[in-house]
Amino acid sequence: DLGSFYVHETSRQPQFHCAYSASKASLHMLTLQLANDLKGTRIKVNACAPGSIPTDLTTYHEHAIAVATKPIIYLATLSDDGPTGKFFGQHCEQGKW
């Protein structure tokens, strides 16, 4: 979510993760560009934000790995007429770039 211009524009809490947010915004652009380049093929390119999960590098854990895998499995099993070039949140909802 920190790569979303929409989130930064509408958030009431300052998010000063400049380098991290910029790298995520770059991934959003790469997702859009690849999706456009692959239009007309069966390949779908989407992005998701599964949320914070327990790792050796983090102290804050939003939820368990089982919850975080939900949007990943959803995107990996899209039908041929499923979306491409989109961003999805941890509950498989379509987010805003």
N, C-alpha and C. Protein backbone atom coordinates (compact mmCIF):
# COMPACT_ATOMS: atom_id res chain seq x y z
N ASP A 1 0.81 -1.20 0.00
CA ASP A 1 0.00 0.00 0.00
C ASP A 1 0.85 1.26 0.00
N LEU A 2 2.06 1.20 0.52
CA LEU A 2 2.90 2.39 0.58
C LEU A 2 3.40 2.83 -0.79
N GLY A 3 3.21 2.03 -1.82
CA GLY A 3 3.55 2.43 -3.18
C GLY A 3 2.40 3.08 -3.89
N SER A 4 1.27 3.20 -3.24
CA SER A 4 0.07 3.76 -3.85
C SER A 4 0.04 5.28 -3.71
N PHE A 5 -0.05 5.96 -4.83
CA PHE A 5 -0.21 7.42 -4.79
C PHE A 5 -1.51 7.77 -4.07
N TYR A 6 -2.54 6.99 -4.31
CA TYR A 6 -3.84 7.22 -3.69
C TYR A 6 -3.73 7.17 -2.16
N VAL A 7 -3.05 6.16 -1.65
CA VAL A 7 -2.90 6.01 -0.20
C VAL A 7 -2.15 7.21 0.39
N HIS A 8 -1.08 7.62 -0.27
CA HIS A 8 -0.31 8.75 0.25
C HIS A 8 -1.10 10.05 0.16
N GLU A 9 -1.88 10.20 -0.87
CA GLU A 9 -2.66 11.43 -1.07
C GLU A 9 -3.81 11.54 -0.08
N THR A 10 -4.40 10.42 0.31
CA THR A 10 -5.61 10.45 1.14
C THR A 10 -5.37 10.09 2.60
N SER A 11 -4.20 9.63 2.94
CA SER A 11 -3.91 9.22 4.31
C SER A 11 -3.83 10.42 5.24
N ARG A 12 -4.36 10.26 6.44
CA ARG A 12 -4.27 11.31 7.44
C ARG A 12 -3.02 11.13 8.30
N GLN A 13 -2.37 9.99 8.15
CA GLN A 13 -1.15 9.72 8.90
C GLN A 13 0.05 9.88 7.97
N PRO A 14 1.03 10.66 8.36
CA PRO A 14 2.20 10.82 7.48
C PRO A 14 2.96 9.50 7.34
N GLN A 15 3.34 9.19 6.14
CA GLN A 15 4.07 7.96 5.86
C GLN A 15 5.42 8.36 5.26
N PHE A 16 6.43 8.42 6.07
CA PHE A 16 7.73 8.91 5.62
C PHE A 16 8.69 7.77 5.29
N HIS A 17 8.22 6.85 4.49
CA HIS A 17 9.05 5.72 4.06
C HIS A 17 9.44 5.97 2.61
N CYS A 18 10.21 7.01 2.39
CA CYS A 18 10.48 7.50 1.04
C CYS A 18 11.06 6.43 0.11
N ALA A 19 12.18 5.83 0.46
CA ALA A 19 12.81 4.84 -0.42
C ALA A 19 11.94 3.61 -0.60
N TYR A 20 11.35 3.14 0.48
CA TYR A 20 10.47 1.97 0.41
C TYR A 20 9.27 2.26 -0.47
N SER A 21 8.61 3.40 -0.25
CA SER A 21 7.44 3.75 -1.04
C SER A 21 7.80 3.92 -2.52
N ALA A 22 8.94 4.54 -2.80
CA ALA A 22 9.36 4.72 -4.19
C ALA A 22 9.62 3.38 -4.86
N SER A 23 10.20 2.43 -4.14
CA SER A 23 10.46 1.11 -4.74
C SER A 23 9.15 0.38 -5.02
N LYS A 24 8.16 0.54 -4.14
CA LYS A 24 6.86 -0.10 -4.36
C LYS A 24 6.12 0.57 -5.51
N ALA A 25 6.22 1.89 -5.63
CA ALA A 25 5.59 2.60 -6.75
C ALA A 25 6.22 2.13 -8.07
N SER A 26 7.52 1.87 -8.06
CA SER A 26 8.19 1.34 -9.25
C SER A 26 7.66 -0.03 -9.62
N LEU A 27 7.38 -0.86 -8.63
CA LEU A 27 6.80 -2.18 -8.91
C LEU A 27 5.40 -2.05 -9.49
N HIS A 28 4.65 -1.05 -9.03
CA HIS A 28 3.32 -0.81 -9.60
C HIS A 28 3.44 -0.46 -11.08
N MET A 29 4.40 0.41 -11.42
CA MET A 29 4.59 0.79 -12.82
C MET A 29 5.04 -0.40 -13.65
N LEU A 30 5.93 -1.20 -13.12
CA LEU A 30 6.38 -2.40 -13.83
C LEU A 30 5.20 -3.34 -14.08
N THR A 31 4.33 -3.50 -13.09
CA THR A 31 3.14 -4.33 -13.24
C THR A 31 2.27 -3.82 -14.38
N LEU A 32 2.02 -2.52 -14.41
CA LEU A 32 1.19 -1.93 -15.47
C LEU A 32 1.83 -2.09 -16.84
N GLN A 33 3.13 -1.84 -16.93
CA GLN A 33 3.82 -1.94 -18.21
C GLN A 33 3.84 -3.37 -18.73
N LEU A 34 4.14 -4.33 -17.86
CA LEU A 34 4.14 -5.73 -18.28
C LEU A 34 2.75 -6.19 -18.70
N ALA A 35 1.73 -5.78 -17.96
CA ALA A 35 0.36 -6.14 -18.32
C ALA A 35 0.01 -5.58 -19.69
N ASN A 36 0.40 -4.34 -19.96
CA ASN A 36 0.14 -3.75 -21.28
C ASN A 36 0.92 -4.47 -22.38
N ASP A 37 2.18 -4.78 -22.11
CA ASP A 37 3.01 -5.47 -23.11
C ASP A 37 2.47 -6.87 -23.43
N LEU A 38 1.81 -7.50 -22.46
CA LEU A 38 1.34 -8.87 -22.64
C LEU A 38 -0.15 -8.97 -22.97
N LYS A 39 -0.80 -7.82 -23.25
CA LYS A 39 -2.21 -7.85 -23.66
C LYS A 39 -2.33 -8.72 -24.90
N GLY A 40 -3.41 -9.44 -24.97
CA GLY A 40 -3.62 -10.33 -26.11
C GLY A 40 -3.03 -11.71 -25.90
N THR A 41 -2.35 -11.92 -24.77
CA THR A 41 -1.84 -13.25 -24.45
C THR A 41 -2.63 -13.77 -23.25
N ARG A 42 -2.37 -14.99 -22.86
CA ARG A 42 -3.04 -15.57 -21.69
C ARG A 42 -2.33 -15.21 -20.38
N ILE A 43 -1.23 -14.48 -20.48
CA ILE A 43 -0.44 -14.13 -19.29
C ILE A 43 -1.05 -12.91 -18.61
N LYS A 44 -1.26 -13.02 -17.32
CA LYS A 44 -1.80 -11.93 -16.53
C LYS A 44 -0.71 -11.42 -15.58
N VAL A 45 -0.67 -10.11 -15.42
CA VAL A 45 0.31 -9.49 -14.53
C VAL A 45 -0.44 -8.59 -13.56
N ASN A 46 -0.42 -8.93 -12.29
CA ASN A 46 -1.09 -8.16 -11.24
C ASN A 46 -0.16 -8.02 -10.06
N ALA A 47 -0.50 -7.13 -9.15
CA ALA A 47 0.26 -6.93 -7.93
C ALA A 47 -0.67 -7.11 -6.74
N CYS A 48 -0.09 -7.51 -5.61
CA CYS A 48 -0.92 -7.62 -4.41
C CYS A 48 -0.13 -7.17 -3.19
N ALA A 49 -0.86 -6.73 -2.19
CA ALA A 49 -0.28 -6.34 -0.91
C ALA A 49 -0.84 -7.28 0.14
N PRO A 50 -0.13 -8.36 0.45
CA PRO A 50 -0.66 -9.35 1.38
C PRO A 50 -0.64 -8.92 2.84
N GLY A 51 0.00 -7.79 3.14
CA GLY A 51 0.07 -7.33 4.53
C GLY A 51 1.34 -7.80 5.20
N SER A 52 1.54 -7.33 6.40
CA SER A 52 2.74 -7.65 7.17
C SER A 52 2.61 -9.05 7.78
N ILE A 53 3.64 -9.86 7.59
CA ILE A 53 3.66 -11.22 8.12
C ILE A 53 4.90 -11.42 8.98
N PRO A 54 4.88 -12.41 9.86
CA PRO A 54 6.04 -12.64 10.73
C PRO A 54 7.29 -13.06 9.94
N THR A 55 8.37 -12.34 10.15
CA THR A 55 9.67 -12.72 9.59
C THR A 55 10.74 -12.44 10.64
N ASP A 56 11.95 -12.84 10.35
CA ASP A 56 13.06 -12.55 11.26
C ASP A 56 13.42 -11.07 11.25
N LEU A 57 12.97 -10.33 10.21
CA LEU A 57 13.35 -8.92 10.06
C LEU A 57 12.31 -7.95 10.59
N THR A 58 11.11 -8.42 10.93
CA THR A 58 10.05 -7.51 11.35
C THR A 58 9.65 -7.74 12.80
N THR A 59 9.18 -6.69 13.42
CA THR A 59 8.67 -6.81 14.79
C THR A 59 7.15 -6.66 14.81
N TYR A 60 6.60 -6.03 13.76
CA TYR A 60 5.15 -5.84 13.68
C TYR A 60 4.57 -6.90 12.75
N HIS A 61 3.58 -7.63 13.23
CA HIS A 61 2.96 -8.68 12.42
C HIS A 61 1.46 -8.43 12.36
N GLU A 62 1.00 -8.10 11.17
CA GLU A 62 -0.42 -7.82 11.00
C GLU A 62 -1.26 -9.08 11.11
N HIS A 63 -0.78 -10.17 10.50
CA HIS A 63 -1.53 -11.42 10.52
C HIS A 63 -0.63 -12.60 10.13
N ALA A 64 -1.19 -13.78 10.20
CA ALA A 64 -0.44 -15.01 9.92
C ALA A 64 -0.20 -15.20 8.42
N ILE A 65 0.76 -16.03 8.12
CA ILE A 65 1.08 -16.34 6.73
C ILE A 65 -0.12 -16.91 6.00
N ALA A 66 -0.94 -17.70 6.66
CA ALA A 66 -2.13 -18.29 6.03
C ALA A 66 -3.08 -17.20 5.50
N VAL A 67 -3.17 -16.09 6.19
CA VAL A 67 -4.01 -14.97 5.74
C VAL A 67 -3.36 -14.26 4.56
N ALA A 68 -2.06 -14.07 4.63
CA ALA A 68 -1.33 -13.36 3.58
C ALA A 68 -1.33 -14.11 2.25
N THR A 69 -1.46 -15.42 2.29
CA THR A 69 -1.43 -16.19 1.04
C THR A 69 -2.75 -16.11 0.27
N LYS A 70 -3.81 -15.65 0.89
CA LYS A 70 -5.12 -15.60 0.22
C LYS A 70 -5.08 -14.81 -1.10
N PRO A 71 -4.58 -13.55 -1.13
CA PRO A 71 -4.57 -12.84 -2.41
C PRO A 71 -3.59 -13.45 -3.42
N ILE A 72 -2.54 -14.05 -2.93
CA ILE A 72 -1.56 -14.68 -3.83
C ILE A 72 -2.20 -15.86 -4.53
N ILE A 73 -2.89 -16.70 -3.79
CA ILE A 73 -3.58 -17.86 -4.39
C ILE A 73 -4.69 -17.38 -5.33
N TYR A 74 -5.42 -16.36 -4.93
CA TYR A 74 -6.48 -15.80 -5.78
C TYR A 74 -5.91 -15.37 -7.14
N LEU A 75 -4.80 -14.64 -7.12
CA LEU A 75 -4.22 -14.16 -8.37
C LEU A 75 -3.59 -15.29 -9.19
N ALA A 76 -3.02 -16.26 -8.52
CA ALA A 76 -2.39 -17.38 -9.22
C ALA A 76 -3.41 -18.29 -9.90
N THR A 77 -4.65 -18.22 -9.49
CA THR A 77 -5.68 -19.11 -10.04
C THR A 77 -6.76 -18.37 -10.81
N LEU A 78 -6.44 -17.17 -11.31
CA LEU A 78 -7.41 -16.41 -12.10
C LEU A 78 -7.81 -17.17 -13.36
N SER A 79 -9.03 -16.99 -13.77
CA SER A 79 -9.48 -17.58 -15.03
C SER A 79 -8.93 -16.78 -16.20
N ASP A 80 -9.07 -17.31 -17.40
CA ASP A 80 -8.54 -16.65 -18.59
C ASP A 80 -9.12 -15.25 -18.79
N ASP A 81 -10.33 -15.02 -18.31
CA ASP A 81 -10.94 -13.69 -18.48
C ASP A 81 -10.78 -12.82 -17.23
N GLY A 82 -9.87 -13.20 -16.33
CA GLY A 82 -9.63 -12.44 -15.12
C GLY A 82 -8.88 -11.15 -15.38
N PRO A 83 -8.76 -10.31 -14.36
CA PRO A 83 -8.12 -9.01 -14.52
C PRO A 83 -6.62 -9.10 -14.76
N THR A 84 -6.08 -8.06 -15.35
CA THR A 84 -4.63 -7.92 -15.51
C THR A 84 -4.29 -6.44 -15.36
N GLY A 85 -3.10 -6.17 -14.86
CA GLY A 85 -2.67 -4.80 -14.66
C GLY A 85 -3.37 -4.13 -13.49
N LYS A 86 -3.74 -4.92 -12.49
CA LYS A 86 -4.46 -4.39 -11.33
C LYS A 86 -3.67 -4.65 -10.04
N PHE A 87 -4.11 -4.00 -8.98
CA PHE A 87 -3.50 -4.11 -7.66
C PHE A 87 -4.56 -4.63 -6.69
N PHE A 88 -4.21 -5.63 -5.89
CA PHE A 88 -5.17 -6.24 -4.98
C PHE A 88 -4.66 -6.21 -3.55
N GLY A 89 -5.58 -6.01 -2.62
CA GLY A 89 -5.26 -5.99 -1.20
C GLY A 89 -5.31 -7.35 -0.59
N GLN A 90 -5.14 -7.41 0.72
CA GLN A 90 -5.03 -8.68 1.43
C GLN A 90 -6.34 -9.45 1.46
N HIS A 91 -7.46 -8.82 1.14
CA HIS A 91 -8.76 -9.50 1.12
C HIS A 91 -9.23 -9.72 -0.31
N CYS A 92 -8.31 -9.69 -1.26
CA CYS A 92 -8.57 -9.89 -2.69
C CYS A 92 -9.41 -8.77 -3.30
N GLU A 93 -9.50 -7.64 -2.60
CA GLU A 93 -10.22 -6.50 -3.15
C GLU A 93 -9.29 -5.71 -4.07
N GLN A 94 -9.85 -5.13 -5.12
CA GLN A 94 -9.04 -4.34 -6.02
C GLN A 94 -8.73 -3.01 -5.36
N GLY A 95 -7.46 -2.68 -5.30
CA GLY A 95 -7.02 -1.44 -4.68
C GLY A 95 -6.85 -0.33 -5.68
N LYS A 96 -6.42 0.81 -5.18
CA LYS A 96 -6.18 1.98 -6.02
C LYS A 96 -4.68 2.27 -6.05
N TRP A 97 -4.17 2.48 -7.25
CA TRP A 97 -2.75 2.78 -7.41
C TRP A 97 -2.47 4.10 -6.74
